Amino acid sequence: AANDLLRGQAIDAVLGRIAVVAELEEALADAVHIQENTPEILGVKREVFSLIDAVAGPQAVIASSTSALLPSKFTDHLHGRHRCLVVHP
């Protein structure tokens, strides 16, 4: 509150926009930005990106936080690879 991190919004209003879901499909249904933060293990990133690509809507940008791996190494097989990029949060 002291730093206005909520930009004047009520805490209840912010918490009301957070939902806990059990299935990846439900979590990604309306997402416009998906941020992957898995370990720097190529096989893990390929698997996670494959899952995200399969269920995310066409409006979603799929971002990775990788620092050590070339994105082409874990996105080359994806149908939606054109919407993948590297972004550091």
Foldseek 3Di string as FASTA:
>chain_A
DVVCPVVPDDPVVVVVVDDDDDDPLVVQVPAQEAEDEDPPDQVVLLVVVQVCLVRHDPNHQYEYQDDPDDLCSRLVPGPNSVRYYYDHD
